[in-house]
Amino acid sequence: MLLPVCGKGKPTGAMREAVNRVMRLRWVAGGGMLWGMSHTVVPRIPTLEEYRRLCRAVGWEDVMNFSAAEQALPRSLYAVVAEVNGVAVGMGQIVGDGAIFFYVQDVAVDPDHQGQGIGAAILSALVGWARETAPDKAFLGVFAVKGTEPFYEREGFAAYAHDIGMFQVLLSAGG
């Protein structure tokens, strides 16, 4: 059984089921051959190097402040890293106040490993943890990139007609 290295408690119920499903995850790629590598989702915070590499791989380098990430990553409520043979190929985290508001952030999979269920496994592990950890009526949110809504809807996220997600990027006075 995997134990979280960040967040509270050990996985039970839905979280244990998600982690077990992910730990067994192997897939068929190219010509119906089963590749020898297995993909696992490990409950841990990505290293700063992994975070930078994965953000760059998915084209986020222009919108990420990697200096601030060094302080922010350890403050995650919960995080997971998808690995292939010990190398990080995906990540995701939950941030928030740990009581009412929980936000899925930075779900990213290296383009060389996309389309193989890794993103879904990451999201499933994050949502499973939130369901096991958050109190009744807590808010689990995500800011989905346009076009990715169906990916998040499969895990129960929905857009609401009376709500609109909004944000702003804060720039320094000189930036």
Protein backbone atom coordinates (compact mmCIF):
# COMPACT_ATOMS: atom_id res chain seq x y z
CA MET A 1 0.00 0.00 0.00
CA LEU A 2 1.29 3.47 -0.85
CA LEU A 3 1.24 6.13 1.82
CA PRO A 4 0.99 9.81 0.95
CA VAL A 5 4.13 11.83 1.57
CA CYS A 6 2.10 15.01 1.58
CA GLY A 7 -1.44 15.50 2.72
CA LYS A 8 -3.21 13.69 5.54
CA GLY A 9 -3.69 10.04 6.31
CA LYS A 10 -3.20 6.91 4.30
CA PRO A 11 -5.25 6.08 1.22
CA THR A 12 -8.57 4.40 1.90
CA GLY A 13 -11.68 3.67 -0.10
CA ALA A 14 -11.77 5.54 -3.42
CA MET A 15 -8.16 6.70 -3.08
CA ARG A 16 -6.87 3.16 -2.47
CA GLU A 17 -8.88 1.94 -5.45
CA ALA A 18 -7.48 4.68 -7.70
CA VAL A 19 -3.90 4.05 -6.57
CA ASN A 20 -4.24 0.29 -6.98
CA ARG A 21 -5.73 0.72 -10.47
CA VAL A 22 -2.89 3.03 -11.43
CA MET A 23 -0.22 0.77 -9.98
CA ARG A 24 -1.45 -2.03 -12.26
CA LEU A 25 -1.59 0.29 -15.26
CA ARG A 26 0.24 -1.04 -18.30
CA TRP A 27 -0.79 -0.33 -21.81
CA VAL A 28 -0.51 -1.43 -25.35
CA ALA A 29 1.36 0.89 -27.68
CA GLY A 30 2.24 0.66 -31.35
CA GLY A 31 1.30 -2.48 -33.24
CA GLY A 32 -0.45 -4.13 -30.33
CA MET A 33 2.79 -4.86 -28.51
CA LEU A 34 2.93 -4.63 -24.73
CA TRP A 35 5.83 -2.40 -23.82
CA GLY A 36 8.03 -3.49 -20.96
CA MET A 37 7.69 -0.22 -19.08
CA SER A 38 4.93 0.28 -16.58
CA HIS A 39 3.59 3.64 -15.54
CA THR A 40 3.03 4.28 -11.85
CA VAL A 41 1.56 7.22 -10.02
CA VAL A 42 3.42 7.95 -6.82
CA PRO A 43 2.05 10.25 -4.12
CA ARG A 44 4.87 12.79 -3.81
CA ILE A 45 5.72 16.35 -4.71
CA PRO A 46 7.72 16.70 -7.94
CA THR A 47 11.24 17.98 -7.53
CA LEU A 48 11.86 21.48 -8.82
CA GLU A 49 13.83 19.97 -11.72
CA GLU A 50 10.94 17.63 -12.62
CA TYR A 51 8.45 20.48 -12.32
CA ARG A 52 10.49 22.72 -14.61
CA ARG A 53 11.03 19.97 -17.18
CA LEU A 54 7.36 18.96 -17.32
CA CYS A 55 6.13 22.57 -17.46
CA ARG A 56 8.50 23.26 -20.34
CA ALA A 57 7.49 20.04 -22.10
CA VAL A 58 3.84 21.15 -22.20
CA GLY A 59 4.62 24.74 -23.18
CA TRP A 60 4.09 26.49 -19.86
CA GLU A 61 7.56 28.01 -19.53
CA ASP A 62 6.34 31.52 -20.40
CA VAL A 63 3.61 31.54 -17.74
CA MET A 64 5.45 29.90 -14.85
CA ASN A 65 7.57 31.63 -12.25
CA PHE A 66 10.03 28.88 -11.46
CA SER A 67 11.64 30.88 -8.63
CA ALA A 68 8.29 31.03 -6.84
CA ALA A 69 7.65 27.35 -7.60
CA GLU A 70 10.52 26.41 -5.32
CA GLN A 71 8.56 27.89 -2.39
CA ALA A 72 5.12 26.85 -3.62
CA LEU A 73 5.65 23.15 -4.32
CA PRO A 74 6.26 22.12 -0.68
CA ARG A 75 3.04 23.93 0.27
CA SER A 76 0.90 21.63 -1.88
CA LEU A 77 -1.83 19.87 0.05
CA TYR A 78 -1.27 16.75 -2.02
CA ALA A 79 0.72 15.90 -5.12
CA VAL A 80 1.43 12.94 -7.36
CA VAL A 81 4.08 12.17 -9.95
CA ALA A 82 3.63 9.66 -12.78
CA GLU A 83 6.82 7.73 -13.42
CA VAL A 84 8.15 5.42 -16.10
CA ASN A 85 11.15 3.43 -14.93
CA GLY A 86 11.71 5.98 -12.17
CA VAL A 87 11.57 9.03 -14.48
CA ALA A 88 8.83 11.62 -13.97
CA VAL A 89 6.58 11.83 -17.05
CA GLY A 90 3.57 13.53 -15.45
CA MET A 91 2.46 15.40 -12.35
CA GLY A 92 -0.46 17.05 -10.63
CA GLN A 93 -1.18 18.69 -7.32
CA ILE A 94 -3.93 20.00 -5.10
CA VAL A 95 -3.53 23.41 -3.49
CA GLY A 96 -5.86 25.38 -1.26
CA ASP A 97 -6.70 26.06 2.34
CA GLY A 98 -7.17 22.40 3.25
CA ALA A 99 -10.59 23.04 4.79
CA ILE A 100 -13.06 24.48 2.28
CA PHE A 101 -11.22 25.20 -0.95
CA PHE A 102 -9.18 22.66 -2.90
CA TYR A 103 -7.89 23.31 -6.42
CA VAL A 104 -6.41 20.85 -8.90
CA GLN A 105 -3.30 22.46 -10.39
CA ASP A 106 -0.53 21.69 -12.83
CA VAL A 107 -1.81 18.43 -14.28
CA ALA A 108 0.80 17.89 -16.97
CA VAL A 109 2.03 14.88 -18.94
CA ASP A 110 5.11 14.89 -21.15
CA PRO A 111 3.88 14.93 -24.77
CA ASP A 112 5.85 11.74 -25.49
CA HIS A 113 3.62 9.95 -22.97
CA GLN A 114 0.25 11.61 -23.64
CA GLY A 115 -2.75 9.64 -24.87
CA GLN A 116 -1.91 6.63 -22.71
CA GLY A 117 -4.14 7.28 -19.70
CA ILE A 118 -1.46 8.89 -17.51
CA GLY A 119 -3.30 12.21 -17.16
CA ALA A 120 -6.49 10.38 -16.25
CA ALA A 121 -4.62 8.31 -13.65
CA ILE A 122 -3.09 11.47 -12.15
CA LEU A 123 -6.47 13.22 -11.99
CA SER A 124 -8.15 10.13 -10.55
CA ALA A 125 -5.55 9.93 -7.77
CA LEU A 126 -5.94 13.64 -6.96
CA VAL A 127 -9.74 13.52 -6.90
CA GLY A 128 -9.65 10.30 -4.86
CA TRP A 129 -7.44 11.95 -2.25
CA ALA A 130 -9.72 15.00 -2.10
CA ARG A 131 -12.83 12.83 -1.64
CA GLU A 132 -11.16 10.97 1.22
CA THR A 133 -9.70 14.08 2.87
CA ALA A 134 -11.97 17.08 2.32
CA PRO A 135 -14.91 17.75 4.63
CA ASP A 136 -18.54 17.71 3.54
CA LYS A 137 -19.44 20.50 1.08
CA ALA A 138 -15.82 21.37 0.30
CA PHE A 139 -15.14 23.00 -3.07
CA LEU A 140 -12.87 21.12 -5.50
CA GLY A 141 -12.11 23.34 -8.46
CA VAL A 142 -9.99 23.41 -11.57
CA PHE A 143 -9.24 26.02 -14.22
CA ALA A 144 -9.38 23.91 -17.36
CA VAL A 145 -7.61 24.98 -20.52
CA LYS A 146 -10.13 25.45 -23.33
CA GLY A 147 -10.70 22.12 -25.04
CA THR A 148 -9.78 19.99 -22.01
CA GLU A 149 -13.20 20.19 -20.36
CA PRO A 150 -14.19 16.59 -21.30
CA PHE A 151 -11.04 15.30 -19.58
CA TYR A 152 -12.11 16.92 -16.30
CA GLU A 153 -15.81 16.15 -16.75
CA ARG A 154 -14.98 12.41 -16.68
CA GLU A 155 -13.91 12.90 -13.04
CA GLY A 156 -17.08 14.77 -12.11
CA PHE A 157 -16.11 18.39 -12.77
CA ALA A 158 -18.79 20.54 -14.39
CA ALA A 159 -19.22 24.08 -15.64
CA TYR A 160 -22.10 25.90 -14.02
CA ALA A 161 -24.20 28.43 -15.94
CA HIS A 162 -24.40 30.81 -12.98
CA ASP A 163 -20.63 30.71 -12.27
CA ILE A 164 -17.65 31.70 -14.33
CA GLY A 165 -14.07 31.00 -13.35
CA MET A 166 -11.90 34.08 -13.59
CA PHE A 167 -8.33 34.90 -12.69
CA GLN A 168 -5.57 37.38 -13.31
CA VAL A 169 -1.83 36.98 -13.60
CA LEU A 170 -0.05 39.37 -11.26
CA LEU A 171 3.04 40.97 -12.75
CA SER A 172 5.68 42.91 -10.87
CA ALA A 173 5.73 46.67 -11.40
CA GLY A 174 8.62 46.28 -13.82
CA GLY A 175 7.16 43.26 -15.63
